[in-house]
C-alpha atoms as a PDB file:
ATOM      1  CA  UNK A   1    -194.044 -16.607-121.042  1.00  0.00           C
ATOM      2  CA  UNK A   2    -193.933 -17.378-124.286  1.00  0.00           C
ATOM      3  CA  UNK A   3    -192.213 -18.894-127.498  1.00  0.00           C
ATOM      4  CA  UNK A   4    -188.783 -17.193-127.583  1.00  0.00           C
ATOM      5  CA  UNK A   5    -187.907 -16.645-131.567  1.00  0.00           C
ATOM      6  CA  UNK A   6    -185.150 -19.400-131.592  1.00  0.00           C
ATOM      7  CA  UNK A   7    -187.965 -21.846-130.822  1.00  0.00           C
ATOM      8  CA  UNK A   8    -189.982 -21.025-133.848  1.00  0.00           C
ATOM      9  CA  UNK A   9    -188.926 -23.852-135.763  1.00  0.00           C
ATOM     10  CA  UNK A  10    -191.646 -24.623-138.754  1.00  0.00           C
ATOM     11  CA  UNK A  11    -193.852 -28.018-138.039  1.00  0.00           C
ATOM     12  CA  UNK A  12    -193.152 -30.692-140.040  1.00  0.00           C
ATOM     13  CA  UNK A  13    -195.898 -33.364-141.350  1.00  0.00           C
ATOM     14  CA  UNK A  14    -195.216 -35.668-138.544  1.00  0.00           C
ATOM     15  CA  UNK A  15    -196.179 -32.864-136.184  1.00  0.00           C
ATOM     16  CA  UNK A  16    -199.876 -32.476-137.873  1.00  0.00           C
ATOM     17  CA  UNK A  17    -200.551 -36.204-137.879  1.00  0.00           C
ATOM     18  CA  UNK A  18    -199.823 -36.117-133.702  1.00  0.00           C
ATOM     19  CA  UNK A  19    -201.915 -32.587-133.518  1.00  0.00           C
ATOM     20  CA  UNK A  20    -204.708 -34.845-135.527  1.00  0.00           C
ATOM     21  CA  UNK A  21    -204.510 -37.683-132.747  1.00  0.00           C
ATOM     22  CA  UNK A  22    -204.840 -34.893-129.913  1.00  0.00           C
ATOM     23  CA  UNK A  23    -207.771 -33.098-131.569  1.00  0.00           C
ATOM     24  CA  UNK A  24    -209.838 -36.151-132.631  1.00  0.00           C
ATOM     25  CA  UNK A  25    -211.216 -36.895-128.935  1.00  0.00           C
ATOM     26  CA  UNK A  26    -212.251 -33.309-129.172  1.00  0.00           C
ATOM     27  CA  UNK A  27    -213.105 -32.305-132.590  1.00  0.00           C
ATOM     28  CA  UNK A  28    -215.423 -34.193-135.131  1.00  0.00           C
ATOM     29  CA  UNK A  29    -213.970 -33.869-138.812  1.00  0.00           C
ATOM     30  CA  UNK A  30    -215.679 -30.930-140.954  1.00  0.00           C
ATOM     31  CA  UNK A  31    -217.532 -31.486-143.889  1.00  0.00           C
ATOM     32  CA  UNK A  32    -216.774 -31.295-147.563  1.00  0.00           C
ATOM     33  CA  UNK A  33    -219.274 -30.003-149.349  1.00  0.00           C
ATOM     34  CA  UNK A  34    -219.754 -29.955-153.135  1.00  0.00           C
ATOM     35  CA  UNK A  35    -223.044 -27.905-154.574  1.00  0.00           C
ATOM     36  CA  UNK A  36    -224.174 -28.914-158.157  1.00  0.00           C
ATOM     37  CA  UNK A  37    -225.085 -25.500-158.525  1.00  0.00           C
ATOM     38  CA  UNK A  38    -221.528 -23.761-157.720  1.00  0.00           C
ATOM     39  CA  UNK A  39    -220.023 -26.689-160.024  1.00  0.00           C
ATOM     40  CA  UNK A  40    -221.977 -25.491-163.056  1.00  0.00           C
ATOM     41  CA  UNK A  41    -221.648 -21.908-162.146  1.00  0.00           C
ATOM     42  CA  UNK A  42    -217.722 -22.378-161.866  1.00  0.00           C
ATOM     43  CA  UNK A  43    -217.271 -24.827-164.656  1.00  0.00           C
ATOM     44  CA  UNK A  44    -214.994 -27.441-162.772  1.00  0.00           C
ATOM     45  CA  UNK A  45    -215.626 -29.545-159.485  1.00  0.00           C
ATOM     46  CA  UNK A  46    -215.589 -27.033-156.603  1.00  0.00           C
ATOM     47  CA  UNK A  47    -215.003 -28.449-152.777  1.00  0.00           C
ATOM     48  CA  UNK A  48    -215.542 -26.093-149.930  1.00  0.00           C
ATOM     49  CA  UNK A  49    -213.891 -27.497-146.480  1.00  0.00           C
ATOM     50  CA  UNK A  50    -216.386 -26.234-144.044  1.00  0.00           C
ATOM     51  CA  UNK A  51    -214.561 -25.132-141.120  1.00  0.00           C
ATOM     52  CA  UNK A  52    -217.488 -22.431-140.592  1.00  0.00           C
ATOM     53  CA  UNK A  53    -219.325 -25.488-138.943  1.00  0.00           C
ATOM     54  CA  UNK A  54    -216.253 -26.035-136.375  1.00  0.00           C
ATOM     55  CA  UNK A  55    -218.060 -25.585-132.860  1.00  0.00           C
ATOM     56  CA  UNK A  56    -216.655 -22.072-132.462  1.00  0.00           C
ATOM     57  CA  UNK A  57    -217.679 -21.546-136.212  1.00  0.00           C
ATOM     58  CA  UNK A  58    -213.689 -21.057-137.525  1.00  0.00           C
ATOM     59  CA  UNK A  59    -210.777 -23.410-138.085  1.00  0.00           C
ATOM     60  CA  UNK A  60    -208.942 -21.766-135.639  1.00  0.00           C
ATOM     61  CA  UNK A  61    -210.023 -24.154-132.968  1.00  0.00           C
ATOM     62  CA  UNK A  62    -207.884 -26.986-134.625  1.00  0.00           C
ATOM     63  CA  UNK A  63    -205.053 -25.037-133.107  1.00  0.00           C
ATOM     64  CA  UNK A  64    -206.233 -24.176-129.733  1.00  0.00           C
ATOM     65  CA  UNK A  65    -206.688 -27.587-128.549  1.00  0.00           C
ATOM     66  CA  UNK A  66    -203.714 -28.714-130.002  1.00  0.00           C
ATOM     67  CA  UNK A  67    -201.313 -25.980-128.149  1.00  0.00           C
ATOM     68  CA  UNK A  68    -202.964 -26.010-124.839  1.00  0.00           C
ATOM     69  CA  UNK A  69    -203.071 -30.066-124.756  1.00  0.00           C
ATOM     70  CA  UNK A  70    -199.183 -29.892-125.487  1.00  0.00           C
ATOM     71  CA  UNK A  71    -198.732 -26.833-123.108  1.00  0.00           C
ATOM     72  CA  UNK A  72    -201.177 -27.295-120.499  1.00  0.00           C
ATOM     73  CA  UNK A  73    -198.501 -28.181-117.687  1.00  0.00           C
ATOM     74  CA  UNK A  74    -195.925 -25.833-118.668  1.00  0.00           C
ATOM     75  CA  UNK A  75    -199.060 -22.458-118.421  1.00  0.00           C
ATOM     76  CA  UNK A  76    -199.218 -22.302-114.636  1.00  0.00           C
ATOM     77  CA  UNK A  77    -202.069 -21.098-112.344  1.00  0.00           C
ATOM     78  CA  UNK A  78    -201.995 -17.546-113.988  1.00  0.00           C
ATOM     79  CA  UNK A  79    -203.193 -19.008-117.366  1.00  0.00           C
ATOM     80  CA  UNK A  80    -202.875 -18.247-121.055  1.00  0.00           C
ATOM     81  CA  UNK A  81    -203.069 -14.502-122.713  1.00  0.00           C
ATOM     82  CA  UNK A  82    -203.567 -13.656-126.235  1.00  0.00           C
ATOM     83  CA  UNK A  83    -205.237 -11.131-128.252  1.00  0.00           C
ATOM     84  CA  UNK A  84    -207.688 -11.878-131.166  1.00  0.00           C
ATOM     85  CA  UNK A  85    -210.073 -10.457-133.365  1.00  0.00           C
ATOM     86  CA  UNK A  86    -212.653 -12.702-132.397  1.00  0.00           C
ATOM     87  CA  UNK A  87    -211.967 -16.353-133.830  1.00  0.00           C
ATOM     88  CA  UNK A  88    -208.631 -17.404-132.248  1.00  0.00           C
ATOM     89  CA  UNK A  89    -210.064 -15.881-128.906  1.00  0.00           C
ATOM     90  CA  UNK A  90    -212.698 -18.192-129.483  1.00  0.00           C
ATOM     91  CA  UNK A  91    -210.534 -20.652-130.221  1.00  0.00           C
ATOM     92  CA  UNK A  92    -208.477 -20.481-127.191  1.00  0.00           C
ATOM     93  CA  UNK A  93    -211.289 -20.102-124.715  1.00  0.00           C
ATOM     94  CA  UNK A  94    -212.928 -23.573-126.105  1.00  0.00           C
ATOM     95  CA  UNK A  95    -209.203 -25.077-125.631  1.00  0.00           C
ATOM     96  CA  UNK A  96    -208.613 -23.180-122.364  1.00  0.00           C
ATOM     97  CA  UNK A  97    -212.539 -24.802-121.362  1.00  0.00           C
ATOM     98  CA  UNK A  98    -211.953 -28.307-122.868  1.00  0.00           C
ATOM     99  CA  UNK A  99    -208.425 -28.518-120.292  1.00  0.00           C
ATOM    100  CA  UNK A 100    -209.561 -26.628-117.231  1.00  0.00           C
ATOM    101  CA  UNK A 101    -207.104 -24.059-117.983  1.00  0.00           C
ATOM    102  CA  UNK A 102    -207.645 -19.776-117.436  1.00  0.00           C
ATOM    103  CA  UNK A 103    -208.120 -17.691-120.402  1.00  0.00           C
ATOM    104  CA  UNK A 104    -207.698 -14.122-121.082  1.00  0.00           C
ATOM    105  CA  UNK A 105    -208.336 -12.773-124.249  1.00  0.00           C
ATOM    106  CA  UNK A 106    -207.623  -8.993-125.486  1.00  0.00           C
ATOM    107  CA  UNK A 107    -209.619  -7.884-128.498  1.00  0.00           C
ATOM    108  CA  UNK A 108    -209.964  -4.774-130.218  1.00  0.00           C
ATOM    109  CA  UNK A 109    -212.106  -1.908-129.166  1.00  0.00           C
ATOM    110  CA  UNK A 110    -214.520  -2.228-132.105  1.00  0.00           C
ATOM    111  CA  UNK A 111    -214.767  -5.857-132.006  1.00  0.00           C
ATOM    112  CA  UNK A 112    -218.151  -7.176-133.214  1.00  0.00           C
ATOM    113  CA  UNK A 113    -220.041  -7.943-129.962  1.00  0.00           C
ATOM    114  CA  UNK A 114    -221.165 -11.390-131.168  1.00  0.00           C
ATOM    115  CA  UNK A 115    -217.725 -12.363-131.060  1.00  0.00           C
ATOM    116  CA  UNK A 116    -216.934 -10.964-127.248  1.00  0.00           C
ATOM    117  CA  UNK A 117    -220.181 -12.867-126.345  1.00  0.00           C
ATOM    118  CA  UNK A 118    -219.097 -16.243-128.163  1.00  0.00           C
ATOM    119  CA  UNK A 119    -215.563 -15.799-126.255  1.00  0.00           C
ATOM    120  CA  UNK A 120    -216.915 -15.072-122.712  1.00  0.00           C
ATOM    121  CA  UNK A 121    -219.369 -18.023-123.167  1.00  0.00           C
ATOM    122  CA  UNK A 122    -216.737 -20.053-123.646  1.00  0.00           C
ATOM    123  CA  UNK A 123    -215.258 -18.828-119.984  1.00  0.00           C
ATOM    124  CA  UNK A 124    -212.770 -16.866-120.957  1.00  0.00           C
ATOM    125  CA  UNK A 125    -212.142 -13.318-119.494  1.00  0.00           C
ATOM    126  CA  UNK A 126    -212.505 -10.665-122.500  1.00  0.00           C
ATOM    127  CA  UNK A 127    -210.630  -7.125-122.406  1.00  0.00           C
ATOM    128  CA  UNK A 128    -211.374  -4.802-125.063  1.00  0.00           C
ATOM    129  CA  UNK A 129    -207.556  -3.125-125.550  1.00  0.00           C
ATOM    130  CA  UNK A 130    -206.384  -1.236-128.747  1.00  0.00           C
ATOM    131  CA  UNK A 131    -207.941   0.376-132.017  1.00  0.00           C
ATOM    132  CA  UNK A 132    -207.306  -2.784-133.918  1.00  0.00           C
ATOM    133  CA  UNK A 133    -205.716  -6.441-133.588  1.00  0.00           C
ATOM    134  CA  UNK A 134    -202.258  -5.259-133.536  1.00  0.00           C
ATOM    135  CA  UNK A 135    -202.746  -2.838-130.916  1.00  0.00           C
ATOM    136  CA  UNK A 136    -204.357  -5.471-128.477  1.00  0.00           C
ATOM    137  CA  UNK A 137    -202.061  -7.590-129.392  1.00  0.00           C
ATOM    138  CA  UNK A 138    -199.488  -5.917-127.998  1.00  0.00           C
ATOM    139  CA  UNK A 139    -200.766  -4.700-124.770  1.00  0.00           C
ATOM    140  CA  UNK A 140    -201.172  -8.937-124.240  1.00  0.00           C
ATOM    141  CA  UNK A 141    -197.851  -9.076-124.652  1.00  0.00           C
ATOM    142  CA  UNK A 142    -196.697  -6.561-122.309  1.00  0.00           C
ATOM    143  CA  UNK A 143    -199.493  -7.928-119.998  1.00  0.00           C
ATOM    144  CA  UNK A 144    -197.931 -11.078-120.382  1.00  0.00           C
ATOM    145  CA  UNK A 145    -194.346  -9.902-119.349  1.00  0.00           C
ATOM    146  CA  UNK A 146    -195.869  -8.156-116.300  1.00  0.00           C
ATOM    147  CA  UNK A 147    -198.123 -10.662-114.996  1.00  0.00           C
ATOM    148  CA  UNK A 148    -196.687 -13.974-116.029  1.00  0.00           C
ATOM    149  CA  UNK A 149    -199.277 -14.767-118.020  1.00  0.00           C
ATOM    150  CA  UNK A 150    -198.229 -17.871-121.021  1.00  0.00           C
ATOM    151  CA  UNK A 151    -198.824 -15.949-123.970  1.00  0.00           C
ATOM    152  CA  UNK A 152    -200.117 -17.048-127.283  1.00  0.00           C
ATOM    153  CA  UNK A 153    -198.855 -15.459-130.418  1.00  0.00           C
ATOM    154  CA  UNK A 154    -201.437 -16.244-133.261  1.00  0.00           C
ATOM    155  CA  UNK A 155    -198.877 -16.668-135.963  1.00  0.00           C
ATOM    156  CA  UNK A 156    -195.335 -17.212-134.334  1.00  0.00           C
ATOM    157  CA  UNK A 157    -196.633 -20.459-132.888  1.00  0.00           C
ATOM    158  CA  UNK A 158    -195.586 -24.184-134.634  1.00  0.00           C
ATOM    159  CA  UNK A 159    -198.151 -25.683-132.445  1.00  0.00           C
ATOM    160  CA  UNK A 160    -201.419 -23.530-133.855  1.00  0.00           C
ATOM    161  CA  UNK A 161    -200.067 -24.140-137.393  1.00  0.00           C
ATOM    162  CA  UNK A 162    -199.299 -27.842-137.093  1.00  0.00           C
ATOM    163  CA  UNK A 163    -203.288 -27.900-135.327  1.00  0.00           C
ATOM    164  CA  UNK A 164    -204.863 -26.166-138.360  1.00  0.00           C
ATOM    165  CA  UNK A 165    -203.016 -28.605-140.909  1.00  0.00           C
ATOM    166  CA  UNK A 166    -205.313 -30.905-139.888  1.00  0.00           C
ATOM    167  CA  UNK A 167    -207.835 -29.801-142.004  1.00  0.00           C
ATOM    168  CA  UNK A 168    -206.084 -30.301-145.407  1.00  0.00           C
ATOM    169  CA  UNK A 169    -205.629 -33.952-143.948  1.00  0.00           C
ATOM    170  CA  UNK A 170    -209.561 -34.643-144.031  1.00  0.00           C
ATOM    171  CA  UNK A 171    -209.510 -32.369-147.158  1.00  0.00           C
ATOM    172  CA  UNK A 172    -206.881 -34.581-149.299  1.00  0.00           C
ATOM    173  CA  UNK A 173    -208.277 -38.199-147.756  1.00  0.00           C
ATOM    174  CA  UNK A 174    -211.643 -37.205-149.815  1.00  0.00           C
ATOM    175  CA  UNK A 175    -210.131 -35.505-152.786  1.00  0.00           C
ATOM    176  CA  UNK A 176    -206.157 -36.890-152.926  1.00  0.00           C
ATOM    177  CA  UNK A 177    -206.014 -35.593-156.838  1.00  0.00           C
ATOM    178  CA  UNK A 178    -207.020 -32.069-155.546  1.00  0.00           C
ATOM    179  CA  UNK A 179    -205.535 -29.613-158.027  1.00  0.00           C
ATOM    180  CA  UNK A 180    -205.928 -26.065-156.528  1.00  0.00           C
ATOM    181  CA  UNK A 181    -206.450 -25.007-152.882  1.00  0.00           C
ATOM    182  CA  UNK A 182    -207.511 -21.469-151.631  1.00  0.00           C
ATOM    183  CA  UNK A 183    -206.823 -20.446-147.943  1.00  0.00           C
ATOM    184  CA  UNK A 184    -207.372 -17.135-146.661  1.00  0.00           C
ATOM    185  CA  UNK A 185    -204.965 -15.204-144.806  1.00  0.00           C
ATOM    186  CA  UNK A 186    -204.894 -13.145-141.784  1.00  0.00           C
ATOM    187  CA  UNK A 187    -202.110 -13.776-139.651  1.00  0.00           C
ATOM    188  CA  UNK A 188    -201.392 -17.135-141.949  1.00  0.00           C
ATOM    189  CA  UNK A 189    -201.774 -19.938-139.746  1.00  0.00           C
ATOM    190  CA  UNK A 190    -204.668 -22.041-142.047  1.00  0.00           C
ATOM    191  CA  UNK A 191    -202.676 -21.390-145.253  1.00  0.00           C
ATOM    192  CA  UNK A 192    -199.389 -22.398-143.589  1.00  0.00           C
ATOM    193  CA  UNK A 193    -200.946 -25.431-141.972  1.00  0.00           C
ATOM    194  CA  UNK A 194    -203.005 -26.585-145.009  1.00  0.00           C
ATOM    195  CA  UNK A 195    -200.291 -26.036-147.562  1.00  0.00           C
ATOM    196  CA  UNK A 196    -197.628 -27.880-145.366  1.00  0.00           C
ATOM    197  CA  UNK A 197    -200.011 -30.610-145.290  1.00  0.00           C
ATOM    198  CA  UNK A 198    -201.368 -30.991-149.079  1.00  0.00           C
ATOM    199  CA  UNK A 199    -198.083 -30.198-150.287  1.00  0.00           C
ATOM    200  CA  UNK A 200    -196.348 -33.242-148.869  1.00  0.00           C
ATOM    201  CA  UNK A 201    -199.304 -35.071-149.882  1.00  0.00           C
ATOM    202  CA  UNK A 202    -199.082 -33.423-153.745  1.00  0.00           C
ATOM    203  CA  UNK A 203    -196.352 -31.579-154.643  1.00  0.00           C
ATOM    204  CA  UNK A 204    -197.534 -30.592-157.887  1.00  0.00           C
ATOM    205  CA  UNK A 205    -200.694 -29.272-156.261  1.00  0.00           C
ATOM    206  CA  UNK A 206    -201.185 -25.313-156.462  1.00  0.00           C
ATOM    207  CA  UNK A 207    -201.666 -23.727-153.451  1.00  0.00           C
ATOM    208  CA  UNK A 208    -202.940 -20.064-153.529  1.00  0.00           C
ATOM    209  CA  UNK A 209    -203.307 -17.494-150.297  1.00  0.00           C
ATOM    210  CA  UNK A 210    -205.668 -15.025-150.334  1.00  0.00           C
ATOM    211  CA  UNK A 211    -205.848 -11.685-148.333  1.00  0.00           C
ATOM    212  CA  UNK A 212    -207.546  -8.387-148.201  1.00  0.00           C
ATOM    213  CA  UNK A 213    -206.806  -5.433-150.348  1.00  0.00           C
ATOM    214  CA  UNK A 214    -206.859  -3.207-147.606  1.00  0.00           C
ATOM    215  CA  UNK A 215    -205.010  -5.257-145.065  1.00  0.00           C
ATOM    216  CA  UNK A 216    -202.049  -6.919-147.443  1.00  0.00           C
ATOM    217  CA  UNK A 217    -199.161  -6.348-144.954  1.00  0.00           C
ATOM    218  CA  UNK A 218    -198.629 -10.470-145.738  1.00  0.00           C
ATOM    219  CA  UNK A 219    -198.939  -9.972-149.215  1.00  0.00           C
ATOM    220  CA  UNK A 220    -196.071  -7.644-149.433  1.00  0.00           C
ATOM    221  CA  UNK A 221    -193.847  -9.289-147.035  1.00  0.00           C
ATOM    222  CA  UNK A 222    -194.222 -12.358-149.451  1.00  0.00           C
ATOM    223  CA  UNK A 223    -193.493 -10.450-152.372  1.00  0.00           C
ATOM    224  CA  UNK A 224    -190.357  -9.011-151.056  1.00  0.00           C
ATOM    225  CA  UNK A 225    -189.433 -11.163-148.127  1.00  0.00           C
ATOM    226  CA  UNK A 226    -189.422  -8.513-145.655  1.00  0.00           C
ATOM    227  CA  UNK A 227    -191.907  -8.304-142.544  1.00  0.00           C
ATOM    228  CA  UNK A 228    -193.715  -5.042-143.456  1.00  0.00           C
ATOM    229  CA  UNK A 229    -195.956  -3.435-140.919  1.00  0.00           C
ATOM    230  CA  UNK A 230    -198.880  -1.142-142.201  1.00  0.00           C
ATOM    231  CA  UNK A 231    -200.029   2.242-140.309  1.00  0.00           C
ATOM    232  CA  UNK A 232    -203.860   1.516-141.223  1.00  0.00           C
ATOM    233  CA  UNK A 233    -205.770  -1.073-142.366  1.00  0.00           C
ATOM    234  CA  UNK A 234    -209.285  -1.046-144.386  1.00  0.00           C
ATOM    235  CA  UNK A 235    -211.103  -4.199-144.100  1.00  0.00           C
ATOM    236  CA  UNK A 236    -214.397  -5.263-142.696  1.00  0.00           C
ATOM    237  CA  UNK A 237    -213.206  -8.639-143.005  1.00  0.00           C
ATOM    238  CA  UNK A 238    -212.440  -9.203-139.086  1.00  0.00           C
ATOM    239  CA  UNK A 239    -210.301 -12.242-139.484  1.00  0.00           C
ATOM    240  CA  UNK A 240    -208.213 -10.777-141.996  1.00  0.00           C
ATOM    241  CA  UNK A 241    -207.785  -7.470-140.245  1.00  0.00           C
ATOM    242  CA  UNK A 242    -203.821  -7.585-139.465  1.00  0.00           C
ATOM    243  CA  UNK A 243    -201.512  -4.769-139.638  1.00  0.00           C
ATOM    244  CA  UNK A 244    -198.013  -6.928-138.709  1.00  0.00           C
ATOM    245  CA  UNK A 245    -196.766  -9.882-140.633  1.00  0.00           C
ATOM    246  CA  UNK A 246    -194.788 -12.113-138.496  1.00  0.00           C
ATOM    247  CA  UNK A 247    -192.081 -14.238-138.976  1.00  0.00           C
ATOM    248  CA  UNK A 248    -192.831 -18.072-138.753  1.00  0.00           C
ATOM    249  CA  UNK A 249    -195.947 -17.712-141.177  1.00  0.00           C
ATOM    250  CA  UNK A 250    -194.423 -15.723-143.905  1.00  0.00           C
ATOM    251  CA  UNK A 251    -190.806 -17.561-144.115  1.00  0.00           C
ATOM    252  CA  UNK A 252    -193.513 -20.658-144.518  1.00  0.00           C
ATOM    253  CA  UNK A 253    -195.501 -18.695-146.939  1.00  0.00           C
ATOM    254  CA  UNK A 254    -192.520 -17.849-149.390  1.00  0.00           C
ATOM    255  CA  UNK A 255    -192.142 -21.499-149.271  1.00  0.00           C
ATOM    256  CA  UNK A 256    -195.542 -23.115-149.592  1.00  0.00           C
ATOM    257  CA  UNK A 257    -197.440 -20.775-151.830  1.00  0.00           C
ATOM    258  CA  UNK A 258    -197.977 -20.507-155.612  1.00  0.00           C
ATOM    259  CA  UNK A 259    -199.519 -17.250-155.674  1.00  0.00           C
ATOM    260  CA  UNK A 260    -200.877 -14.699-153.758  1.00  0.00           C
ATOM    261  CA  UNK A 261    -204.493 -13.102-154.618  1.00  0.00           C
ATOM    262  CA  UNK A 262    -205.845  -9.648-152.987  1.00  0.00           C
ATOM    263  CA  UNK A 263    -210.098  -9.297-152.839  1.00  0.00           C
ATOM    264  CA  UNK A 264    -212.022  -6.498-151.496  1.00  0.00           C
ATOM    265  CA  UNK A 265    -214.763  -6.369-149.479  1.00  0.00           C
ATOM    266  CA  UNK A 266    -217.107  -5.877-151.911  1.00  0.00           C
ATOM    267  CA  UNK A 267    -216.191  -9.279-153.321  1.00  0.00           C
ATOM    268  CA  UNK A 268    -216.173 -10.835-150.228  1.00  0.00           C
ATOM    269  CA  UNK A 269    -219.317  -9.838-148.950  1.00  0.00           C
ATOM    270  CA  UNK A 270    -221.001 -10.716-152.900  1.00  0.00           C
ATOM    271  CA  UNK A 271    -219.176 -14.476-152.205  1.00  0.00           C
ATOM    272  CA  UNK A 272    -221.453 -14.250-148.872  1.00  0.00           C
ATOM    273  CA  UNK A 273    -224.286 -14.292-150.740  1.00  0.00           C
ATOM    274  CA  UNK A 274    -223.410 -16.690-153.277  1.00  0.00           C
ATOM    275  CA  UNK A 275    -222.368 -19.197-150.449  1.00  0.00           C
ATOM    276  CA  UNK A 276    -225.709 -18.831-148.826  1.00  0.00           C
ATOM    277  CA  UNK A 277    -227.925 -18.985-151.903  1.00  0.00           C
ATOM    278  CA  UNK A 278    -226.020 -21.855-154.014  1.00  0.00           C
ATOM    279  CA  UNK A 279    -224.272 -24.340-150.982  1.00  0.00           C
ATOM    280  CA  UNK A 280    -226.677 -23.369-147.934  1.00  0.00           C
ATOM    281  CA  UNK A 281    -223.406 -21.829-146.090  1.00  0.00           C
ATOM    282  CA  UNK A 282    -223.354 -19.174-143.739  1.00  0.00           C
ATOM    283  CA  UNK A 283    -219.480 -17.166-143.875  1.00  0.00           C
ATOM    284  CA  UNK A 284    -218.446 -14.337-142.627  1.00  0.00           C
ATOM    285  CA  UNK A 285    -216.179 -11.731-144.884  1.00  0.00           C
ATOM    286  CA  UNK A 286    -213.044 -13.825-144.128  1.00  0.00           C
ATOM    287  CA  UNK A 287    -214.724 -17.246-144.288  1.00  0.00           C
ATOM    288  CA  UNK A 288    -215.570 -16.128-147.718  1.00  0.00           C
ATOM    289  CA  UNK A 289    -212.262 -14.535-149.230  1.00  0.00           C
ATOM    290  CA  UNK A 290    -210.766 -18.024-150.301  1.00  0.00           C
ATOM    291  CA  UNK A 291    -213.880 -18.606-152.149  1.00  0.00           C
ATOM    292  CA  UNK A 292    -214.301 -15.153-153.746  1.00  0.00           C
ATOM    293  CA  UNK A 293    -210.528 -15.482-155.021  1.00  0.00           C
ATOM    294  CA  UNK A 294    -211.714 -18.942-156.535  1.00  0.00           C
ATOM    295  CA  UNK A 295    -214.743 -17.278-158.625  1.00  0.00           C
ATOM    296  CA  UNK A 296    -212.292 -14.523-159.544  1.00  0.00           C
ATOM    297  CA  UNK A 297    -210.012 -16.928-161.051  1.00  0.00           C
ATOM    298  CA  UNK A 298    -212.628 -19.629-162.394  1.00  0.00           C
ATOM    299  CA  UNK A 299    -211.534 -19.072-166.351  1.00  0.00           C
ATOM    300  CA  UNK A 300    -207.918 -20.251-166.001  1.00  0.00           C
ATOM    301  CA  UNK A 301    -209.072 -23.020-163.198  1.00  0.00           C
ATOM    302  CA  UNK A 302    -211.044 -25.188-165.888  1.00  0.00           C
ATOM    303  CA  UNK A 303    -210.449 -28.557-166.257  1.00  0.00           C
ATOM    304  CA  UNK A 304    -209.236 -28.436-162.456  1.00  0.00           C
ATOM    305  CA  UNK A 305    -210.641 -29.934-159.105  1.00  0.00           C
ATOM    306  CA  UNK A 306    -210.399 -26.982-157.078  1.00  0.00           C
ATOM    307  CA  UNK A 307    -210.962 -26.532-152.903  1.00  0.00           C
ATOM    308  CA  UNK A 308    -211.688 -23.580-150.841  1.00  0.00           C
ATOM    309  CA  UNK A 309    -211.484 -23.372-147.076  1.00  0.00           C
ATOM    310  CA  UNK A 310    -214.500 -21.705-145.588  1.00  0.00           C
ATOM    311  CA  UNK A 311    -212.702 -20.535-142.968  1.00  0.00           C
ATOM    312  CA  UNK A 312    -215.296 -18.703-140.719  1.00  0.00           C
ATOM    313  CA  UNK A 313    -218.936 -18.463-140.261  1.00  0.00           C
ATOM    314  CA  UNK A 314    -219.319 -16.019-137.160  1.00  0.00           C
ATOM    315  CA  UNK A 315    -220.992 -13.287-138.340  1.00  0.00           C
ATOM    316  CA  UNK A 316    -224.258 -10.825-136.795  1.00  0.00           C
ATOM    317  CA  UNK A 317    -227.400 -10.783-138.556  1.00  0.00           C
ATOM    318  CA  UNK A 318    -227.217  -6.842-139.439  1.00  0.00           C
ATOM    319  CA  UNK A 319    -223.918  -7.937-141.961  1.00  0.00           C
ATOM    320  CA  UNK A 320    -225.452 -11.096-143.117  1.00  0.00           C
ATOM    321  CA  UNK A 321    -228.784  -9.430-144.360  1.00  0.00           C
ATOM    322  CA  UNK A 322    -226.531  -6.681-145.839  1.00  0.00           C
ATOM    323  CA  UNK A 323    -224.824  -9.518-147.683  1.00  0.00           C
ATOM    324  CA  UNK A 324    -227.706 -11.205-148.776  1.00  0.00           C
ATOM    325  CA  UNK A 325    -229.667  -8.182-149.835  1.00  0.00           C
ATOM    326  CA  UNK A 326    -227.280  -6.080-151.443  1.00  0.00           C
END
């Protein structure tokens, strides 16, 4: 069982407010951080929304809590099944443990072991299936149909998007006069949820999505309105490593985004080091993508109040050492 395409109505601002009420007993607001060193380097006030400090290390847990809290009575004994490159899987595992729902997560065969251990540590069953996230997703969809699991799609799910939107409520309450917001895009839940809220509160805010150069299916879809599927991707940013664009987030992004920026793995790794040195924040490649784009566009952002979502901090020591030491 899963959502039918006919049910994919975009969430509303009211849905995000309801999600905040559901999430509040389970998750504390994350910090909004400013560093004088970063402000001086960028030349403008630079706000970092620290979703890397969530209990699962990434923003996605907001969506997982919201979805399972609403759907728990409809899930049934079999439980939920989903696919993930790591952070979404932790989200569903965390929510499953919170509400007593069995969770099964398919991950790509080359998933970082630290993310697999984290998902298992939260009580979910992990199975390595497929060469990448999208193959793992297709196998999870087939298994859900055959065995009767409730299937959670990482992108085409309004409850996930509404849950993630709560991060922007927290941000806009602290910085209501924000001018520009950068968010990373994998499947698109962060940019759509945050953009829905930020644009409702301030229609003049400039929303900028950020994707990996080597996995740009959503960017291509945003440009021409067609849902693109890439034969291969080339990025080490696991949270952005999607070959396929999904209908609901793409339709929302085409309404919400003012601009779309592609960043290289080299840029993300460099800014992982910057965030560590100047803000004392640990970010994985995908977690640093939004800040990397802001750094690239710094000259044209002078005089603005700018925020970037640091969307994830799940990284092993070898990758972190390589990013910091170059």
